[in-house]
């Protein structure tokens, strides 16, 4: 239990550091306050550290974070563009269509009608592309890591089954911090 608390404290400190450095504005996304956006950005950055891609993926020194939505949410992650994480440089790119996601390592999906969400998930199914969202219910619907608000705090849920079927492995440290975990049939990932 002490290791879990230590890991949680480390993650909280990392999030706080990145949140303090953020220059995001509420006008960039009308639905969220600047603090929430900074926390979500920090979470996305830290999620990468706890995900293992298959050997055949991530063949370059770049991790490409693609942002799919019609509201320009790639601006939310502009602070991450060029940052180094797990020994690679992170690039942030907007994508307009799920078919463009094949060149991505991470696909961030904001609120979308359920029919469109299903087509997005179908487009990346079986590929080593980490899907991340920030809409209530997305974890249960197949997004691998989904952030949601609970008591005015950003929490996250993990769909282990979907990650596993795409060849991704999510660290037990991150699974232990998740508010909800779907598809976990084993004690450890």
N, C-alpha and C. Protein backbone atom coordinates (compact mmCIF):
# COMPACT_ATOMS: atom_id res chain seq x y z
N UNK A 1 0.82 -1.19 0.00
CA UNK A 1 0.00 0.00 0.00
C UNK A 1 0.86 1.25 0.00
N UNK A 2 2.02 1.21 0.66
CA UNK A 2 2.90 2.37 0.69
C UNK A 2 3.42 2.70 -0.70
N UNK A 3 3.72 1.68 -1.52
CA UNK A 3 4.19 1.90 -2.88
C UNK A 3 3.10 2.56 -3.71
N UNK A 4 1.86 2.16 -3.50
CA UNK A 4 0.75 2.77 -4.24
C UNK A 4 0.62 4.24 -3.87
N UNK A 5 0.73 4.56 -2.61
CA UNK A 5 0.65 5.96 -2.18
C UNK A 5 1.82 6.76 -2.73
N UNK A 6 3.01 6.17 -2.74
CA UNK A 6 4.18 6.85 -3.28
C UNK A 6 4.00 7.12 -4.77
N UNK A 7 3.50 6.13 -5.50
CA UNK A 7 3.27 6.29 -6.93
C UNK A 7 2.21 7.36 -7.17
N UNK A 8 1.15 7.34 -6.39
CA UNK A 8 0.10 8.35 -6.52
C UNK A 8 0.65 9.74 -6.23
N UNK A 9 1.47 9.86 -5.20
CA UNK A 9 2.07 11.15 -4.86
C UNK A 9 2.96 11.64 -5.99
N UNK A 10 3.76 10.74 -6.59
CA UNK A 10 4.63 11.12 -7.71
C UNK A 10 3.81 11.62 -8.89
N UNK A 11 2.73 10.92 -9.21
CA UNK A 11 1.89 11.32 -10.32
C UNK A 11 1.23 12.67 -10.05
N UNK A 12 0.76 12.88 -8.83
CA UNK A 12 0.14 14.15 -8.47
C UNK A 12 1.16 15.29 -8.57
N UNK A 13 2.39 15.05 -8.11
CA UNK A 13 3.42 16.08 -8.20
C UNK A 13 3.77 16.41 -9.65
N UNK A 14 3.86 15.39 -10.49
CA UNK A 14 4.12 15.63 -11.91
C UNK A 14 3.00 16.44 -12.54
N UNK A 15 1.77 16.08 -12.22
CA UNK A 15 0.63 16.81 -12.75
C UNK A 15 0.65 18.25 -12.27
N UNK A 16 0.95 18.46 -11.01
CA UNK A 16 0.98 19.82 -10.46
C UNK A 16 2.07 20.66 -11.12
N UNK A 17 3.23 20.07 -11.36
CA UNK A 17 4.32 20.80 -12.02
C UNK A 17 3.92 21.23 -13.43
N UNK A 18 3.37 20.29 -14.18
CA UNK A 18 2.96 20.63 -15.54
C UNK A 18 1.80 21.60 -15.55
N UNK A 19 0.88 21.46 -14.62
CA UNK A 19 -0.26 22.37 -14.56
C UNK A 19 0.20 23.78 -14.26
N UNK A 20 1.19 23.93 -13.44
CA UNK A 20 1.72 25.25 -13.11
C UNK A 20 2.40 25.92 -14.27
N UNK A 21 2.94 25.14 -15.21
CA UNK A 21 3.64 25.69 -16.36
C UNK A 21 2.71 25.96 -17.53
N UNK A 22 1.50 25.51 -17.47
CA UNK A 22 0.59 25.62 -18.60
C UNK A 22 0.18 27.06 -18.87
N UNK A 23 0.00 27.37 -20.15
CA UNK A 23 -0.44 28.70 -20.55
C UNK A 23 -1.77 28.63 -21.29
N UNK A 24 -2.58 27.66 -20.94
CA UNK A 24 -3.86 27.48 -21.63
C UNK A 24 -4.88 28.51 -21.15
N UNK A 25 -5.80 28.85 -22.01
CA UNK A 25 -6.84 29.83 -21.69
C UNK A 25 -8.22 29.20 -21.88
N UNK A 26 -9.17 29.66 -21.10
CA UNK A 26 -10.53 29.12 -21.19
C UNK A 26 -11.14 29.35 -22.56
N UNK A 27 -10.74 30.39 -23.26
CA UNK A 27 -11.30 30.66 -24.59
C UNK A 27 -10.94 29.58 -25.59
N UNK A 28 -9.87 28.83 -25.34
CA UNK A 28 -9.47 27.77 -26.25
C UNK A 28 -10.50 26.64 -26.28
N UNK A 29 -11.19 26.47 -25.18
CA UNK A 29 -12.23 25.45 -25.12
C UNK A 29 -13.27 25.91 -24.13
N UNK A 30 -14.41 26.28 -24.61
CA UNK A 30 -15.42 26.94 -23.80
C UNK A 30 -16.00 26.07 -22.69
N UNK A 31 -15.82 24.76 -22.76
CA UNK A 31 -16.47 23.88 -21.80
C UNK A 31 -15.66 23.65 -20.53
N UNK A 32 -14.41 24.13 -20.47
CA UNK A 32 -13.58 23.81 -19.33
C UNK A 32 -12.85 25.04 -18.80
N UNK A 33 -12.54 25.01 -17.54
CA UNK A 33 -11.75 26.06 -16.92
C UNK A 33 -10.28 25.79 -17.17
N UNK A 34 -9.43 26.83 -17.13
CA UNK A 34 -8.01 26.63 -17.41
C UNK A 34 -7.36 25.58 -16.53
N UNK A 35 -7.69 25.50 -15.26
CA UNK A 35 -7.09 24.51 -14.38
C UNK A 35 -7.37 23.09 -14.83
N UNK A 36 -8.58 22.83 -15.24
CA UNK A 36 -8.95 21.50 -15.70
C UNK A 36 -8.19 21.13 -16.97
N UNK A 37 -8.06 22.07 -17.89
CA UNK A 37 -7.33 21.81 -19.13
C UNK A 37 -5.87 21.52 -18.87
N UNK A 38 -5.27 22.26 -17.97
CA UNK A 38 -3.86 22.04 -17.63
C UNK A 38 -3.67 20.66 -17.00
N UNK A 39 -4.58 20.27 -16.15
CA UNK A 39 -4.50 18.95 -15.51
C UNK A 39 -4.63 17.85 -16.56
N UNK A 40 -5.59 17.99 -17.47
CA UNK A 40 -5.77 16.98 -18.51
C UNK A 40 -4.54 16.87 -19.40
N UNK A 41 -3.95 18.00 -19.75
CA UNK A 41 -2.73 18.00 -20.55
C UNK A 41 -1.62 17.26 -19.82
N UNK A 42 -1.47 17.54 -18.54
CA UNK A 42 -0.45 16.87 -17.73
C UNK A 42 -0.73 15.37 -17.62
N UNK A 43 -1.99 15.00 -17.47
CA UNK A 43 -2.34 13.59 -17.40
C UNK A 43 -1.93 12.88 -18.69
N UNK A 44 -2.26 13.46 -19.84
CA UNK A 44 -1.93 12.83 -21.12
C UNK A 44 -0.43 12.62 -21.21
N UNK A 45 0.35 13.63 -20.86
CA UNK A 45 1.81 13.51 -20.89
C UNK A 45 2.27 12.35 -20.01
N UNK A 46 1.72 12.25 -18.82
CA UNK A 46 2.14 11.21 -17.88
C UNK A 46 1.60 9.83 -18.23
N UNK A 47 0.44 9.75 -18.88
CA UNK A 47 -0.06 8.45 -19.31
C UNK A 47 0.95 7.74 -20.20
N UNK A 48 1.60 8.49 -21.06
CA UNK A 48 2.57 7.92 -22.02
C UNK A 48 3.65 7.14 -21.29
N UNK A 49 4.05 7.61 -20.13
CA UNK A 49 5.11 6.97 -19.36
C UNK A 49 4.71 5.60 -18.82
N UNK A 50 3.42 5.35 -18.75
CA UNK A 50 2.92 4.13 -18.16
C UNK A 50 2.32 3.16 -19.18
N UNK A 51 2.59 3.41 -20.46
CA UNK A 51 2.10 2.55 -21.52
C UNK A 51 3.29 1.98 -22.28
N UNK A 52 3.21 0.69 -22.57
CA UNK A 52 4.27 0.02 -23.33
C UNK A 52 3.70 -0.39 -24.68
N UNK A 53 4.34 0.10 -25.74
CA UNK A 53 3.95 -0.25 -27.10
C UNK A 53 4.70 -1.49 -27.52
N UNK A 54 4.18 -2.26 -28.48
CA UNK A 54 4.91 -3.43 -28.98
C UNK A 54 6.22 -3.00 -29.66
N UNK A 55 7.16 -3.94 -29.77
CA UNK A 55 8.46 -3.65 -30.38
C UNK A 55 8.33 -3.10 -31.80
N UNK A 56 7.31 -3.53 -32.53
CA UNK A 56 7.15 -3.09 -33.92
C UNK A 56 6.63 -1.66 -34.04
N UNK A 57 6.11 -1.11 -32.95
CA UNK A 57 5.60 0.26 -32.96
C UNK A 57 6.71 1.20 -32.47
N UNK A 58 6.46 2.48 -32.57
CA UNK A 58 7.40 3.51 -32.12
C UNK A 58 8.80 3.28 -32.67
N UNK A 59 8.88 3.12 -33.98
CA UNK A 59 10.17 2.86 -34.63
C UNK A 59 11.01 4.10 -34.81
N UNK A 60 10.46 5.27 -34.54
CA UNK A 60 11.22 6.51 -34.69
C UNK A 60 11.44 7.15 -33.33
N UNK A 61 12.14 8.24 -33.30
CA UNK A 61 12.40 8.98 -32.05
C UNK A 61 11.28 9.96 -31.74
N UNK A 62 10.13 9.75 -32.39
CA UNK A 62 9.00 10.65 -32.22
C UNK A 62 7.76 9.87 -31.81
N UNK A 63 7.00 10.43 -30.91
CA UNK A 63 5.67 9.91 -30.58
C UNK A 63 4.68 10.93 -31.11
N UNK A 64 3.78 10.49 -31.96
CA UNK A 64 2.83 11.42 -32.57
C UNK A 64 1.49 11.35 -31.86
N UNK A 65 1.13 12.45 -31.22
CA UNK A 65 -0.17 12.61 -30.56
C UNK A 65 -1.09 13.32 -31.53
N UNK A 66 -2.10 12.62 -31.99
CA UNK A 66 -3.08 13.20 -32.91
C UNK A 66 -4.34 13.55 -32.12
N UNK A 67 -4.93 14.67 -32.46
CA UNK A 67 -6.13 15.14 -31.78
C UNK A 67 -7.24 15.21 -32.81
N UNK A 68 -8.28 14.43 -32.57
CA UNK A 68 -9.40 14.34 -33.49
C UNK A 68 -10.63 15.00 -32.90
N UNK A 69 -11.01 16.12 -33.47
CA UNK A 69 -12.30 16.74 -33.15
C UNK A 69 -12.48 17.95 -34.04
N UNK A 70 -13.65 18.51 -34.02
CA UNK A 70 -13.94 19.67 -34.86
C UNK A 70 -13.79 20.98 -34.13
N UNK A 71 -13.35 20.97 -32.87
CA UNK A 71 -13.28 22.19 -32.08
C UNK A 71 -11.87 22.73 -31.92
N UNK A 72 -10.90 22.16 -32.60
CA UNK A 72 -9.54 22.66 -32.51
C UNK A 72 -8.85 22.32 -31.20
N UNK A 73 -9.11 21.16 -30.64
CA UNK A 73 -8.52 20.79 -29.36
C UNK A 73 -7.03 20.54 -29.42
N UNK A 74 -6.45 20.45 -30.62
CA UNK A 74 -5.00 20.26 -30.69
C UNK A 74 -4.29 21.43 -30.05
N UNK A 75 -4.94 22.60 -29.99
CA UNK A 75 -4.38 23.77 -29.31
C UNK A 75 -4.18 23.46 -27.83
N UNK A 76 -5.06 22.63 -27.27
CA UNK A 76 -4.96 22.27 -25.86
C UNK A 76 -3.63 21.62 -25.54
N UNK A 77 -3.11 20.89 -26.48
CA UNK A 77 -1.88 20.14 -26.25
C UNK A 77 -0.66 20.80 -26.86
N UNK A 78 -0.78 22.06 -27.25
CA UNK A 78 0.35 22.75 -27.86
C UNK A 78 1.54 22.83 -26.91
N UNK A 79 1.30 22.86 -25.61
CA UNK A 79 2.39 22.88 -24.63
C UNK A 79 3.21 21.60 -24.66
N UNK A 80 2.61 20.51 -25.15
CA UNK A 80 3.32 19.23 -25.20
C UNK A 80 4.16 19.08 -26.47
N UNK A 81 3.83 19.85 -27.50
CA UNK A 81 4.54 19.72 -28.77
C UNK A 81 6.03 20.00 -28.58
N UNK A 82 6.86 19.03 -28.93
CA UNK A 82 8.30 19.17 -28.80
C UNK A 82 8.87 18.69 -27.47
N UNK A 83 8.00 18.37 -26.51
CA UNK A 83 8.47 17.87 -25.22
C UNK A 83 9.09 16.48 -25.40
N UNK A 84 9.98 16.12 -24.50
CA UNK A 84 10.55 14.79 -24.52
C UNK A 84 9.86 13.93 -23.47
N UNK A 85 9.51 12.72 -23.87
CA UNK A 85 8.89 11.77 -22.96
C UNK A 85 9.38 10.38 -23.36
N UNK A 86 9.73 9.59 -22.40
CA UNK A 86 10.30 8.25 -22.57
C UNK A 86 11.37 8.20 -23.67
N UNK A 87 12.22 9.21 -23.70
CA UNK A 87 13.33 9.25 -24.64
C UNK A 87 12.95 9.60 -26.07
N UNK A 88 11.74 10.07 -26.27
CA UNK A 88 11.28 10.44 -27.62
C UNK A 88 10.68 11.84 -27.58
N UNK A 89 10.64 12.47 -28.74
CA UNK A 89 10.01 13.79 -28.85
C UNK A 89 8.54 13.62 -29.19
N UNK A 90 7.73 14.40 -28.54
CA UNK A 90 6.29 14.34 -28.74
C UNK A 90 5.89 15.40 -29.76
N UNK A 91 5.14 15.01 -30.76
CA UNK A 91 4.59 15.97 -31.72
C UNK A 91 3.07 15.91 -31.62
N UNK A 92 2.45 17.06 -31.76
CA UNK A 92 0.99 17.16 -31.67
C UNK A 92 0.47 17.57 -33.04
N UNK A 93 -0.50 16.80 -33.55
CA UNK A 93 -1.06 17.06 -34.88
C UNK A 93 -2.58 16.94 -34.84
N UNK A 94 -3.28 17.86 -35.46
CA UNK A 94 -4.73 17.68 -35.58
C UNK A 94 -5.02 16.70 -36.71
N UNK A 95 -6.07 15.91 -36.57
CA UNK A 95 -6.56 15.06 -37.65
C UNK A 95 -8.05 15.31 -37.77
N UNK A 96 -8.53 15.23 -38.99
CA UNK A 96 -9.94 15.53 -39.24
C UNK A 96 -10.78 14.27 -39.42
N UNK A 97 -10.13 13.17 -39.74
CA UNK A 97 -10.87 11.96 -40.09
C UNK A 97 -10.18 10.75 -39.46
N UNK A 98 -10.93 9.76 -38.99
CA UNK A 98 -10.32 8.58 -38.39
C UNK A 98 -9.32 7.87 -39.31
N UNK A 99 -9.52 7.97 -40.62
CA UNK A 99 -8.61 7.30 -41.56
C UNK A 99 -7.19 7.87 -41.48
N UNK A 100 -7.05 9.10 -40.99
CA UNK A 100 -5.73 9.72 -40.83
C UNK A 100 -4.99 9.19 -39.61
N UNK A 101 -5.66 8.47 -38.75
CA UNK A 101 -5.08 8.04 -37.47
C UNK A 101 -4.04 6.94 -37.61
N UNK A 102 -3.93 6.33 -38.77
CA UNK A 102 -2.98 5.22 -38.93
C UNK A 102 -1.53 5.65 -38.72
N UNK A 103 -1.24 6.93 -38.84
CA UNK A 103 0.13 7.42 -38.64
C UNK A 103 0.36 7.90 -37.20
N UNK A 104 -0.64 7.75 -36.37
CA UNK A 104 -0.57 8.24 -34.99
C UNK A 104 -0.10 7.14 -34.04
N UNK A 105 0.49 7.54 -32.93
CA UNK A 105 0.82 6.63 -31.85
C UNK A 105 -0.22 6.77 -30.74
N UNK A 106 -0.77 7.97 -30.63
CA UNK A 106 -1.80 8.29 -29.64
C UNK A 106 -2.88 9.06 -30.36
N UNK A 107 -4.14 8.72 -30.09
CA UNK A 107 -5.26 9.44 -30.68
C UNK A 107 -6.13 9.96 -29.54
N UNK A 108 -6.20 11.29 -29.42
CA UNK A 108 -7.05 11.92 -28.41
C UNK A 108 -8.37 12.25 -29.08
N UNK A 109 -9.46 11.75 -28.49
CA UNK A 109 -10.79 11.93 -29.07
C UNK A 109 -11.66 12.68 -28.07
N UNK A 110 -12.17 13.84 -28.50
CA UNK A 110 -13.07 14.59 -27.64
C UNK A 110 -14.50 14.15 -27.92
N UNK A 111 -15.45 14.82 -27.31
CA UNK A 111 -16.86 14.45 -27.44
C UNK A 111 -17.27 14.30 -28.89
N UNK A 112 -17.94 13.21 -29.17
CA UNK A 112 -18.43 12.92 -30.52
C UNK A 112 -19.70 12.10 -30.40
N UNK A 113 -20.59 12.19 -31.38
CA UNK A 113 -21.76 11.31 -31.36
C UNK A 113 -21.31 9.85 -31.33
N UNK A 114 -22.09 8.99 -30.71
CA UNK A 114 -21.69 7.59 -30.52
C UNK A 114 -21.42 6.87 -31.84
N UNK A 115 -22.14 7.21 -32.89
CA UNK A 115 -21.90 6.57 -34.18
C UNK A 115 -20.51 6.92 -34.68
N UNK A 116 -20.13 8.18 -34.54
CA UNK A 116 -18.80 8.61 -34.99
C UNK A 116 -17.72 8.01 -34.09
N UNK A 117 -17.97 7.92 -32.79
CA UNK A 117 -17.00 7.30 -31.90
C UNK A 117 -16.74 5.86 -32.31
N UNK A 118 -17.80 5.13 -32.62
CA UNK A 118 -17.64 3.74 -33.04
C UNK A 118 -16.80 3.64 -34.31
N UNK A 119 -17.02 4.53 -35.26
CA UNK A 119 -16.23 4.48 -36.50
C UNK A 119 -14.78 4.85 -36.23
N UNK A 120 -14.53 5.76 -35.29
CA UNK A 120 -13.16 6.11 -34.92
C UNK A 120 -12.45 4.93 -34.28
N UNK A 121 -13.14 4.27 -33.36
CA UNK A 121 -12.54 3.12 -32.68
C UNK A 121 -12.33 1.96 -33.65
N UNK A 122 -13.25 1.77 -34.59
CA UNK A 122 -13.08 0.73 -35.61
C UNK A 122 -11.86 1.01 -36.48
N UNK A 123 -11.62 2.27 -36.79
CA UNK A 123 -10.49 2.64 -37.66
C UNK A 123 -9.14 2.32 -37.03
N UNK A 124 -9.05 2.34 -35.70
CA UNK A 124 -7.76 2.08 -35.04
C UNK A 124 -7.71 0.72 -34.35
N UNK A 125 -8.81 -0.02 -34.39
CA UNK A 125 -8.86 -1.32 -33.72
C UNK A 125 -7.75 -2.24 -34.22
N UNK A 126 -7.06 -2.87 -33.28
CA UNK A 126 -6.00 -3.81 -33.63
C UNK A 126 -4.67 -3.16 -33.94
N UNK A 127 -4.63 -1.85 -34.03
CA UNK A 127 -3.38 -1.13 -34.26
C UNK A 127 -2.82 -0.63 -32.93
N UNK A 128 -1.50 -0.55 -32.79
CA UNK A 128 -0.93 -0.09 -31.52
C UNK A 128 -1.03 1.43 -31.35
N UNK A 129 -2.27 1.91 -31.31
CA UNK A 129 -2.55 3.33 -31.15
C UNK A 129 -3.31 3.51 -29.84
N UNK A 130 -2.71 4.24 -28.93
CA UNK A 130 -3.34 4.50 -27.63
C UNK A 130 -4.45 5.52 -27.84
N UNK A 131 -5.68 5.16 -27.45
CA UNK A 131 -6.78 6.11 -27.53
C UNK A 131 -7.03 6.71 -26.15
N UNK A 132 -7.18 8.03 -26.15
CA UNK A 132 -7.44 8.78 -24.92
C UNK A 132 -8.61 9.70 -25.18
N UNK A 133 -9.49 9.82 -24.20
CA UNK A 133 -10.64 10.71 -24.33
C UNK A 133 -10.87 11.49 -23.06
N UNK A 134 -11.85 12.37 -23.12
CA UNK A 134 -12.21 13.15 -21.93
C UNK A 134 -13.72 13.38 -21.86
N UNK A 135 -14.46 12.31 -22.17
CA UNK A 135 -15.90 12.40 -22.20
C UNK A 135 -16.50 11.27 -21.37
N UNK A 136 -17.45 11.60 -20.53
CA UNK A 136 -18.08 10.61 -19.66
C UNK A 136 -18.56 9.41 -20.46
N UNK A 137 -18.23 8.21 -19.99
CA UNK A 137 -18.68 6.98 -20.60
C UNK A 137 -17.77 6.42 -21.68
N UNK A 138 -16.76 7.16 -22.11
CA UNK A 138 -15.89 6.70 -23.18
C UNK A 138 -15.08 5.46 -22.80
N UNK A 139 -14.69 5.31 -21.56
CA UNK A 139 -13.93 4.14 -21.15
C UNK A 139 -14.72 2.86 -21.37
N UNK A 140 -15.95 2.88 -20.97
CA UNK A 140 -16.83 1.71 -21.14
C UNK A 140 -17.09 1.45 -22.62
N UNK A 141 -17.07 2.50 -23.44
CA UNK A 141 -17.37 2.36 -24.87
C UNK A 141 -16.15 1.93 -25.69
N UNK A 142 -14.94 1.92 -25.08
CA UNK A 142 -13.79 1.41 -25.81
C UNK A 142 -12.58 2.31 -25.88
N UNK A 143 -12.66 3.53 -25.36
CA UNK A 143 -11.47 4.38 -25.28
C UNK A 143 -10.55 3.74 -24.24
N UNK A 144 -9.26 3.65 -24.53
CA UNK A 144 -8.34 2.95 -23.63
C UNK A 144 -8.13 3.69 -22.31
N UNK A 145 -7.92 4.99 -22.38
CA UNK A 145 -7.79 5.80 -21.16
C UNK A 145 -8.71 7.00 -21.32
N UNK A 146 -9.63 7.15 -20.41
CA UNK A 146 -10.61 8.22 -20.49
C UNK A 146 -10.62 9.04 -19.21
N UNK A 147 -10.53 10.35 -19.36
CA UNK A 147 -10.60 11.25 -18.21
C UNK A 147 -12.04 11.72 -18.02
N UNK A 148 -12.42 11.90 -16.77
CA UNK A 148 -13.76 12.37 -16.45
C UNK A 148 -13.68 13.17 -15.16
N UNK A 149 -14.70 13.97 -14.90
CA UNK A 149 -14.75 14.76 -13.67
C UNK A 149 -15.56 14.03 -12.61
N UNK A 150 -15.03 14.04 -11.39
CA UNK A 150 -15.73 13.46 -10.25
C UNK A 150 -15.43 14.35 -9.05
N UNK A 151 -16.46 14.94 -8.48
CA UNK A 151 -16.29 15.86 -7.36
C UNK A 151 -15.28 16.97 -7.69
N UNK A 152 -15.43 17.53 -8.89
CA UNK A 152 -14.59 18.63 -9.38
C UNK A 152 -13.12 18.26 -9.54
N UNK A 153 -12.83 16.97 -9.62
CA UNK A 153 -11.47 16.49 -9.83
C UNK A 153 -11.42 15.66 -11.10
N UNK A 154 -10.30 15.78 -11.79
CA UNK A 154 -10.11 14.97 -12.99
C UNK A 154 -9.67 13.58 -12.55
N UNK A 155 -10.42 12.58 -12.95
CA UNK A 155 -10.12 11.18 -12.68
C UNK A 155 -9.99 10.49 -14.03
N UNK A 156 -9.58 9.24 -14.02
CA UNK A 156 -9.49 8.53 -15.28
C UNK A 156 -9.89 7.07 -15.11
N UNK A 157 -10.34 6.51 -16.21
CA UNK A 157 -10.72 5.11 -16.27
C UNK A 157 -9.93 4.46 -17.40
N UNK A 158 -9.73 3.16 -17.28
CA UNK A 158 -8.91 2.44 -18.26
C UNK A 158 -9.68 1.22 -18.78
N UNK A 159 -9.65 1.06 -20.09
CA UNK A 159 -10.24 -0.11 -20.72
C UNK A 159 -9.08 -1.04 -21.10
N UNK A 160 -8.74 -1.95 -20.21
CA UNK A 160 -7.61 -2.86 -20.38
C UNK A 160 -7.82 -3.78 -21.57
N UNK A 161 -9.03 -4.27 -21.73
CA UNK A 161 -9.32 -5.20 -22.82
C UNK A 161 -9.01 -4.56 -24.18
N UNK A 162 -9.43 -3.33 -24.38
CA UNK A 162 -9.19 -2.64 -25.66
C UNK A 162 -7.70 -2.40 -25.87
N UNK A 163 -6.99 -2.00 -24.81
CA UNK A 163 -5.54 -1.79 -24.92
C UNK A 163 -4.84 -3.09 -25.28
N UNK A 164 -5.19 -4.14 -24.59
CA UNK A 164 -4.57 -5.45 -24.83
C UNK A 164 -4.81 -5.92 -26.26
N UNK A 165 -6.02 -5.72 -26.76
CA UNK A 165 -6.33 -6.17 -28.13
C UNK A 165 -5.57 -5.37 -29.19
N UNK A 166 -5.02 -4.22 -28.81
CA UNK A 166 -4.22 -3.42 -29.73
C UNK A 166 -2.73 -3.61 -29.52
N UNK A 167 -2.37 -4.51 -28.63
CA UNK A 167 -0.96 -4.80 -28.38
C UNK A 167 -0.29 -3.86 -27.40
N UNK A 168 -1.07 -3.04 -26.72
CA UNK A 168 -0.52 -2.11 -25.74
C UNK A 168 -0.62 -2.70 -24.35
N UNK A 169 0.35 -2.37 -23.53
CA UNK A 169 0.36 -2.85 -22.15
C UNK A 169 0.37 -1.64 -21.22
N UNK A 170 -0.60 -1.59 -20.33
CA UNK A 170 -0.70 -0.48 -19.39
C UNK A 170 -0.17 -0.95 -18.04
N UNK A 171 0.72 -0.16 -17.48
CA UNK A 171 1.38 -0.49 -16.22
C UNK A 171 0.38 -0.68 -15.09
N UNK A 172 0.68 -1.63 -14.22
CA UNK A 172 -0.18 -1.84 -13.04
C UNK A 172 -0.18 -0.61 -12.14
N UNK A 173 0.89 0.16 -12.18
CA UNK A 173 0.93 1.40 -11.39
C UNK A 173 -0.19 2.34 -11.82
N UNK A 174 -0.38 2.48 -13.13
CA UNK A 174 -1.44 3.34 -13.63
C UNK A 174 -2.80 2.71 -13.37
N UNK A 175 -2.91 1.39 -13.55
CA UNK A 175 -4.18 0.71 -13.28
C UNK A 175 -4.61 0.90 -11.83
N UNK A 176 -3.65 0.89 -10.91
CA UNK A 176 -3.97 1.06 -9.49
C UNK A 176 -4.47 2.46 -9.17
N UNK A 177 -4.10 3.44 -9.99
CA UNK A 177 -4.52 4.82 -9.76
C UNK A 177 -5.85 5.15 -10.44
N UNK A 178 -6.29 4.29 -11.35
CA UNK A 178 -7.51 4.55 -12.11
C UNK A 178 -8.74 4.47 -11.22
N UNK A 179 -9.70 5.33 -11.50
CA UNK A 179 -10.97 5.31 -10.77
C UNK A 179 -11.80 4.10 -11.15
N UNK A 180 -11.71 3.68 -12.42
CA UNK A 180 -12.45 2.53 -12.93
C UNK A 180 -11.54 1.79 -13.90
N UNK A 181 -11.65 0.47 -13.92
CA UNK A 181 -10.90 -0.37 -14.86
C UNK A 181 -11.88 -1.35 -15.48
N UNK A 182 -11.91 -1.38 -16.80
CA UNK A 182 -12.81 -2.28 -17.54
C UNK A 182 -11.99 -3.37 -18.21
N UNK A 183 -12.47 -4.60 -18.14
CA UNK A 183 -11.84 -5.70 -18.85
C UNK A 183 -10.63 -6.30 -18.17
N UNK A 184 -10.38 -5.98 -16.92
CA UNK A 184 -9.23 -6.55 -16.20
C UNK A 184 -9.63 -7.91 -15.67
N UNK A 185 -9.04 -8.95 -16.23
CA UNK A 185 -9.34 -10.30 -15.77
C UNK A 185 -8.20 -10.91 -14.99
N UNK A 186 -7.03 -10.20 -15.00
CA UNK A 186 -5.87 -10.69 -14.29
C UNK A 186 -5.52 -9.74 -13.16
N UNK A 187 -4.73 -10.21 -12.21
CA UNK A 187 -4.33 -9.36 -11.10
C UNK A 187 -3.34 -8.29 -11.57
N UNK A 188 -2.56 -8.55 -12.57
CA UNK A 188 -1.59 -7.56 -13.04
C UNK A 188 -1.58 -7.49 -14.54
N UNK A 189 -1.20 -6.37 -15.05
CA UNK A 189 -1.13 -6.19 -16.50
C UNK A 189 0.27 -6.43 -16.94
